[in-house]
Amino acid sequence: MRLENFVTIDFEASCLPRHGRSFPIEVATAGPEGVTSWLVKPVAGHDGWSWTHEAAALHGIDQDRLAREGLPAHRVFAEINAVIAGRQLIADSRIDQYWWSLLAGAAGEDVGAPILYVGTILDKIDLPSEDIFAAQHHADALHPTRHRAADDALWLWTLLCRLKDMAVADAALPAPPRQVPPSIAA
């Protein structure tokens, strides 16, 4: 599988769905142009949805901050789509598709671009596990802070770029000489 023309995306939410009805509160994208992050103002339909203290402690975003700094869902959705510009969206969790769908619905839009789960890429990429682990360690070293959308989107962007570079370097290496079994060579 080749990695080309992609943008990474990550969401933070009011809670994980297993703790109740969850909505996206922060989203970020990372690509060659850099990282962009948005706080999402909950829509009226989010009243009564779950908000856990564990989630707030993890990402550090509280409801008062969202009320002050959050942007309307339709604006966030439109700006993300401008950033995507026809490129493939990739996330590090399957649940990001759920929050992407919720954001689209809150914006009154169709989801549009689906999100590809990075695990699908890792399953199909033609690199040894050692290279994948090395790329993960590289991303960890450059971006040790996690659980904010911008940090996580940038971590994933770094990981995928490293894997892409490794795949290109690996493809540039000459193939090892073919060994002919002695019984055939004779």
C-alpha atoms as a PDB file:
ATOM      1  CA  MET A   1       0.000   0.000   0.000  1.00  0.00           C
ATOM      2  CA  ARG A   2       1.310   3.435  -0.899  1.00  0.00           C
ATOM      3  CA  LEU A   3       0.931   6.486   1.314  1.00  0.00           C
ATOM      4  CA  GLU A   4       0.159   9.518  -0.779  1.00  0.00           C
ATOM      5  CA  ASN A   5      -1.908  12.660  -0.611  1.00  0.00           C
ATOM      6  CA  PHE A   6      -3.275  12.383   2.915  1.00  0.00           C
ATOM      7  CA  VAL A   7      -4.211  14.468   5.944  1.00  0.00           C
ATOM      8  CA  THR A   8      -4.397  13.103   9.484  1.00  0.00           C
ATOM      9  CA  ILE A   9      -7.305  13.944  11.764  1.00  0.00           C
ATOM     10  CA  ASP A  10      -7.959  13.507  15.470  1.00  0.00           C
ATOM     11  CA  PHE A  11     -10.867  14.263  17.791  1.00  0.00           C
ATOM     12  CA  GLU A  12     -11.266  14.825  21.493  1.00  0.00           C
ATOM     13  CA  ALA A  13     -14.737  14.251  22.915  1.00  0.00           C
ATOM     14  CA  SER A  14     -16.972  14.864  25.895  1.00  0.00           C
ATOM     15  CA  CYS A  15     -16.515  11.216  26.863  1.00  0.00           C
ATOM     16  CA  LEU A  16     -16.018   7.848  25.269  1.00  0.00           C
ATOM     17  CA  PRO A  17     -19.281   6.441  23.887  1.00  0.00           C
ATOM     18  CA  ARG A  18     -19.200   3.561  26.368  1.00  0.00           C
ATOM     19  CA  HIS A  19     -19.736   6.198  29.103  1.00  0.00           C
ATOM     20  CA  GLY A  20     -22.798   7.739  27.474  1.00  0.00           C
ATOM     21  CA  ARG A  21     -23.753   9.881  24.507  1.00  0.00           C
ATOM     22  CA  SER A  22     -20.575  11.561  23.358  1.00  0.00           C
ATOM     23  CA  PHE A  23     -19.944  14.543  21.099  1.00  0.00           C
ATOM     24  CA  PRO A  24     -16.754  15.971  19.573  1.00  0.00           C
ATOM     25  CA  ILE A  25     -15.351  18.995  21.372  1.00  0.00           C
ATOM     26  CA  GLU A  26     -12.009  19.420  19.593  1.00  0.00           C
ATOM     27  CA  VAL A  27     -10.697  18.365  16.203  1.00  0.00           C
ATOM     28  CA  ALA A  28      -7.365  18.881  14.464  1.00  0.00           C
ATOM     29  CA  THR A  29      -5.816  18.063  11.128  1.00  0.00           C
ATOM     30  CA  ALA A  30      -2.156  17.728  10.198  1.00  0.00           C
ATOM     31  CA  GLY A  31      -0.688  17.793   6.720  1.00  0.00           C
ATOM     32  CA  PRO A  32       2.186  19.266   4.746  1.00  0.00           C
ATOM     33  CA  GLU A  33       0.829  22.755   5.447  1.00  0.00           C
ATOM     34  CA  GLY A  34       0.982  22.206   9.222  1.00  0.00           C
ATOM     35  CA  VAL A  35      -1.496  21.591  12.017  1.00  0.00           C
ATOM     36  CA  THR A  36      -4.866  23.274  12.464  1.00  0.00           C
ATOM     37  CA  SER A  37      -7.068  22.807  15.511  1.00  0.00           C
ATOM     38  CA  TRP A  38     -10.634  23.812  16.334  1.00  0.00           C
ATOM     39  CA  LEU A  39     -12.668  23.781  19.524  1.00  0.00           C
ATOM     40  CA  VAL A  40     -16.261  22.848  18.701  1.00  0.00           C
ATOM     41  CA  LYS A  41     -19.121  24.616  20.431  1.00  0.00           C
ATOM     42  CA  PRO A  42     -21.751  22.008  21.305  1.00  0.00           C
ATOM     43  CA  VAL A  43     -25.016  22.459  19.441  1.00  0.00           C
ATOM     44  CA  ALA A  44     -28.350  22.653  21.231  1.00  0.00           C
ATOM     45  CA  GLY A  45     -28.949  18.978  20.423  1.00  0.00           C
ATOM     46  CA  HIS A  46     -25.971  18.093  22.618  1.00  0.00           C
ATOM     47  CA  ASP A  47     -27.790  19.218  25.776  1.00  0.00           C
ATOM     48  CA  GLY A  48     -27.996  16.259  28.098  1.00  0.00           C
ATOM     49  CA  TRP A  49     -25.192  14.379  26.364  1.00  0.00           C
ATOM     50  CA  SER A  50     -22.575  12.873  28.629  1.00  0.00           C
ATOM     51  CA  TRP A  51     -19.549  14.750  29.867  1.00  0.00           C
ATOM     52  CA  THR A  52     -17.129  12.843  32.067  1.00  0.00           C
ATOM     53  CA  HIS A  53     -14.617  14.358  34.430  1.00  0.00           C
ATOM     54  CA  GLU A  54     -12.161  11.672  33.283  1.00  0.00           C
ATOM     55  CA  ALA A  55     -12.336  12.955  29.701  1.00  0.00           C
ATOM     56  CA  ALA A  56     -11.974  16.577  30.823  1.00  0.00           C
ATOM     57  CA  ALA A  57      -8.976  15.645  32.974  1.00  0.00           C
ATOM     58  CA  LEU A  58      -7.393  13.810  30.045  1.00  0.00           C
ATOM     59  CA  HIS A  59      -7.697  16.569  27.432  1.00  0.00           C
ATOM     60  CA  GLY A  60      -7.992  19.561  29.770  1.00  0.00           C
ATOM     61  CA  ILE A  61     -10.970  21.122  27.987  1.00  0.00           C
ATOM     62  CA  ASP A  62     -13.973  22.087  30.082  1.00  0.00           C
ATOM     63  CA  GLN A  63     -17.484  23.156  29.123  1.00  0.00           C
ATOM     64  CA  ASP A  64     -16.901  26.805  30.043  1.00  0.00           C
ATOM     65  CA  ARG A  65     -13.950  26.990  27.658  1.00  0.00           C
ATOM     66  CA  LEU A  66     -16.014  25.472  24.863  1.00  0.00           C
ATOM     67  CA  ALA A  67     -18.760  28.032  25.464  1.00  0.00           C
ATOM     68  CA  ARG A  68     -16.201  30.877  25.280  1.00  0.00           C
ATOM     69  CA  GLU A  69     -13.837  29.672  22.550  1.00  0.00           C
ATOM     70  CA  GLY A  70     -15.700  26.998  20.626  1.00  0.00           C
ATOM     71  CA  LEU A  71     -16.701  27.594  17.021  1.00  0.00           C
ATOM     72  CA  PRO A  72     -20.027  26.544  15.488  1.00  0.00           C
ATOM     73  CA  ALA A  73     -20.013  23.028  14.021  1.00  0.00           C
ATOM     74  CA  HIS A  74     -20.871  24.250  10.505  1.00  0.00           C
ATOM     75  CA  ARG A  75     -17.833  26.535  10.468  1.00  0.00           C
ATOM     76  CA  VAL A  76     -15.469  23.848  11.805  1.00  0.00           C
ATOM     77  CA  PHE A  77     -16.788  21.299   9.311  1.00  0.00           C
ATOM     78  CA  ALA A  78     -16.390  23.730   6.388  1.00  0.00           C
ATOM     79  CA  GLU A  79     -12.854  24.696   7.416  1.00  0.00           C
ATOM     80  CA  ILE A  80     -11.811  21.048   7.804  1.00  0.00           C
ATOM     81  CA  ASN A  81     -13.146  20.258   4.342  1.00  0.00           C
ATOM     82  CA  ALA A  82     -11.150  23.190   2.951  1.00  0.00           C
ATOM     83  CA  VAL A  83      -8.011  21.714   4.557  1.00  0.00           C
ATOM     84  CA  ILE A  84      -8.766  18.209   3.263  1.00  0.00           C
ATOM     85  CA  ALA A  85      -9.149  19.461  -0.313  1.00  0.00           C
ATOM     86  CA  GLY A  86      -9.792  15.995  -1.764  1.00  0.00           C
ATOM     87  CA  ARG A  87      -7.044  14.209   0.169  1.00  0.00           C
ATOM     88  CA  GLN A  88      -7.513  10.998   2.153  1.00  0.00           C
ATOM     89  CA  LEU A  89      -8.316  11.466   5.861  1.00  0.00           C
ATOM     90  CA  ILE A  90      -6.477   9.088   8.202  1.00  0.00           C
ATOM     91  CA  ALA A  91      -7.073   8.674  11.952  1.00  0.00           C
ATOM     92  CA  ASP A  92      -5.490   6.546  14.645  1.00  0.00           C
ATOM     93  CA  SER A  93      -8.818   5.289  15.983  1.00  0.00           C
ATOM     94  CA  ARG A  94     -11.901   3.844  14.341  1.00  0.00           C
ATOM     95  CA  ILE A  95     -14.049   5.937  16.681  1.00  0.00           C
ATOM     96  CA  ASP A  96     -12.953   9.118  14.906  1.00  0.00           C
ATOM     97  CA  GLN A  97     -15.362   8.192  12.076  1.00  0.00           C
ATOM     98  CA  TYR A  98     -18.194   8.321  14.634  1.00  0.00           C
ATOM     99  CA  TRP A  99     -17.204  11.811  15.787  1.00  0.00           C
ATOM    100  CA  TRP A 100     -16.671  12.935  12.175  1.00  0.00           C
ATOM    101  CA  SER A 101     -20.232  11.814  11.431  1.00  0.00           C
ATOM    102  CA  LEU A 102     -21.566  13.621  14.507  1.00  0.00           C
ATOM    103  CA  LEU A 103     -19.743  16.813  13.502  1.00  0.00           C
ATOM    104  CA  ALA A 104     -21.141  16.570   9.959  1.00  0.00           C
ATOM    105  CA  GLY A 105     -24.644  16.051  11.331  1.00  0.00           C
ATOM    106  CA  ALA A 106     -24.297  19.000  13.707  1.00  0.00           C
ATOM    107  CA  ALA A 107     -23.190  21.081  10.702  1.00  0.00           C
ATOM    108  CA  GLY A 108     -26.199  19.896   8.712  1.00  0.00           C
ATOM    109  CA  GLU A 109     -23.927  18.237   6.140  1.00  0.00           C
ATOM    110  CA  ASP A 110     -23.238  14.789   4.748  1.00  0.00           C
ATOM    111  CA  VAL A 111     -20.051  13.185   6.041  1.00  0.00           C
ATOM    112  CA  GLY A 112     -18.354  13.428   2.662  1.00  0.00           C
ATOM    113  CA  ALA A 113     -14.791  12.200   3.015  1.00  0.00           C
ATOM    114  CA  PRO A 114     -14.567   8.920   4.962  1.00  0.00           C
ATOM    115  CA  ILE A 115     -11.785   8.417   7.464  1.00  0.00           C
ATOM    116  CA  LEU A 116      -9.315   5.602   6.861  1.00  0.00           C
ATOM    117  CA  TYR A 117      -8.135   3.866  10.025  1.00  0.00           C
ATOM    118  CA  VAL A 118      -4.335   3.750  10.316  1.00  0.00           C
ATOM    119  CA  GLY A 119      -4.460   0.086  11.364  1.00  0.00           C
ATOM    120  CA  THR A 120      -5.704  -0.745   7.881  1.00  0.00           C
ATOM    121  CA  ILE A 121      -2.633   0.949   6.435  1.00  0.00           C
ATOM    122  CA  LEU A 122      -0.260  -0.776   8.852  1.00  0.00           C
ATOM    123  CA  ASP A 123      -1.785  -4.150   7.953  1.00  0.00           C
ATOM    124  CA  LYS A 124      -1.162  -3.552   4.244  1.00  0.00           C
ATOM    125  CA  ILE A 125       2.101  -1.611   4.257  1.00  0.00           C
ATOM    126  CA  ASP A 126       5.071  -3.461   2.856  1.00  0.00           C
ATOM    127  CA  LEU A 127       7.490  -2.840   5.721  1.00  0.00           C
ATOM    128  CA  PRO A 128       8.747  -5.147   8.459  1.00  0.00           C
ATOM    129  CA  SER A 129       7.331  -4.731  11.966  1.00  0.00           C
ATOM    130  CA  GLU A 130      10.701  -3.439  13.175  1.00  0.00           C
ATOM    131  CA  ASP A 131      10.405  -0.469  10.808  1.00  0.00           C
ATOM    132  CA  ILE A 132       6.864   0.266  11.961  1.00  0.00           C
ATOM    133  CA  PHE A 133       7.951   0.171  15.615  1.00  0.00           C
ATOM    134  CA  ALA A 134      10.930   2.410  14.804  1.00  0.00           C
ATOM    135  CA  ALA A 135       8.570   4.909  13.132  1.00  0.00           C
ATOM    136  CA  GLN A 136       6.328   4.846  16.218  1.00  0.00           C
ATOM    137  CA  HIS A 137       9.312   5.515  18.500  1.00  0.00           C
ATOM    138  CA  HIS A 138      10.383   8.353  16.193  1.00  0.00           C
ATOM    139  CA  ALA A 139       6.908   9.942  16.420  1.00  0.00           C
ATOM    140  CA  ASP A 140       6.853   9.414  20.210  1.00  0.00           C
ATOM    141  CA  ALA A 141      10.231  11.142  20.589  1.00  0.00           C
ATOM    142  CA  LEU A 142       9.188  14.159  18.512  1.00  0.00           C
ATOM    143  CA  HIS A 143       5.663  14.462  19.940  1.00  0.00           C
ATOM    144  CA  PRO A 144       5.499  13.066  23.488  1.00  0.00           C
ATOM    145  CA  THR A 145       2.446  15.140  24.520  1.00  0.00           C
ATOM    146  CA  ARG A 146      -0.832  13.380  23.757  1.00  0.00           C
ATOM    147  CA  HIS A 147      -4.593  13.656  24.289  1.00  0.00           C
ATOM    148  CA  ARG A 148      -5.080  16.955  22.552  1.00  0.00           C
ATOM    149  CA  ALA A 149      -6.310  16.812  18.983  1.00  0.00           C
ATOM    150  CA  ALA A 150      -3.434  18.836  17.495  1.00  0.00           C
ATOM    151  CA  ASP A 151      -0.782  16.785  19.309  1.00  0.00           C
ATOM    152  CA  ASP A 152      -2.344  13.486  18.260  1.00  0.00           C
ATOM    153  CA  ALA A 153      -2.916  14.533  14.625  1.00  0.00           C
ATOM    154  CA  LEU A 154       0.702  15.703  14.398  1.00  0.00           C
ATOM    155  CA  TRP A 155       1.965  12.477  16.002  1.00  0.00           C
ATOM    156  CA  LEU A 156       0.082  10.425  13.403  1.00  0.00           C
ATOM    157  CA  TRP A 157       1.283  12.674  10.554  1.00  0.00           C
ATOM    158  CA  THR A 158       4.883  12.174  11.737  1.00  0.00           C
ATOM    159  CA  LEU A 159       4.421   8.400  11.968  1.00  0.00           C
ATOM    160  CA  LEU A 160       2.947   8.123   8.469  1.00  0.00           C
ATOM    161  CA  CYS A 161       5.560  10.396   6.907  1.00  0.00           C
ATOM    162  CA  ARG A 162       8.299   8.319   8.501  1.00  0.00           C
ATOM    163  CA  LEU A 163       6.718   5.120   7.177  1.00  0.00           C
ATOM    164  CA  LYS A 164       6.361   6.703   3.744  1.00  0.00           C
ATOM    165  CA  ASP A 165      10.056   7.683   3.783  1.00  0.00           C
ATOM    166  CA  MET A 166      11.044   4.178   4.874  1.00  0.00           C
ATOM    167  CA  ALA A 167       8.941   2.600   2.125  1.00  0.00           C
ATOM    168  CA  VAL A 168      10.522   4.869  -0.500  1.00  0.00           C
ATOM    169  CA  ALA A 169      14.026   4.104   0.788  1.00  0.00           C
ATOM    170  CA  ASP A 170      13.227   0.383   0.896  1.00  0.00           C
ATOM    171  CA  ALA A 171      11.893   0.483  -2.679  1.00  0.00           C
ATOM    172  CA  ALA A 172      15.081   2.215  -3.842  1.00  0.00           C
ATOM    173  CA  LEU A 173      17.271  -0.616  -2.577  1.00  0.00           C
ATOM    174  CA  PRO A 174      18.238  -3.173  -5.194  1.00  0.00           C
ATOM    175  CA  ALA A 175      16.614  -6.562  -4.806  1.00  0.00           C
ATOM    176  CA  PRO A 176      18.913  -9.186  -3.315  1.00  0.00           C
ATOM    177  CA  PRO A 177      20.337 -11.611  -5.855  1.00  0.00           C
ATOM    178  CA  ARG A 178      18.114 -14.581  -6.445  1.00  0.00           C
ATOM    179  CA  GLN A 179      19.498 -17.761  -4.962  1.00  0.00           C
ATOM    180  CA  VAL A 180      19.225 -20.749  -7.241  1.00  0.00           C
ATOM    181  CA  PRO A 181      18.974 -24.068  -5.391  1.00  0.00           C
ATOM    182  CA  PRO A 182      21.980 -26.310  -6.132  1.00  0.00           C
ATOM    183  CA  SER A 183      19.805 -29.032  -7.632  1.00  0.00           C
ATOM    184  CA  ILE A 184      18.543 -26.622 -10.330  1.00  0.00           C
ATOM    185  CA  ALA A 185      21.904 -25.007 -11.022  1.00  0.00           C
ATOM    186  CA  ALA A 186      23.603 -28.290 -11.859  1.00  0.00           C
END
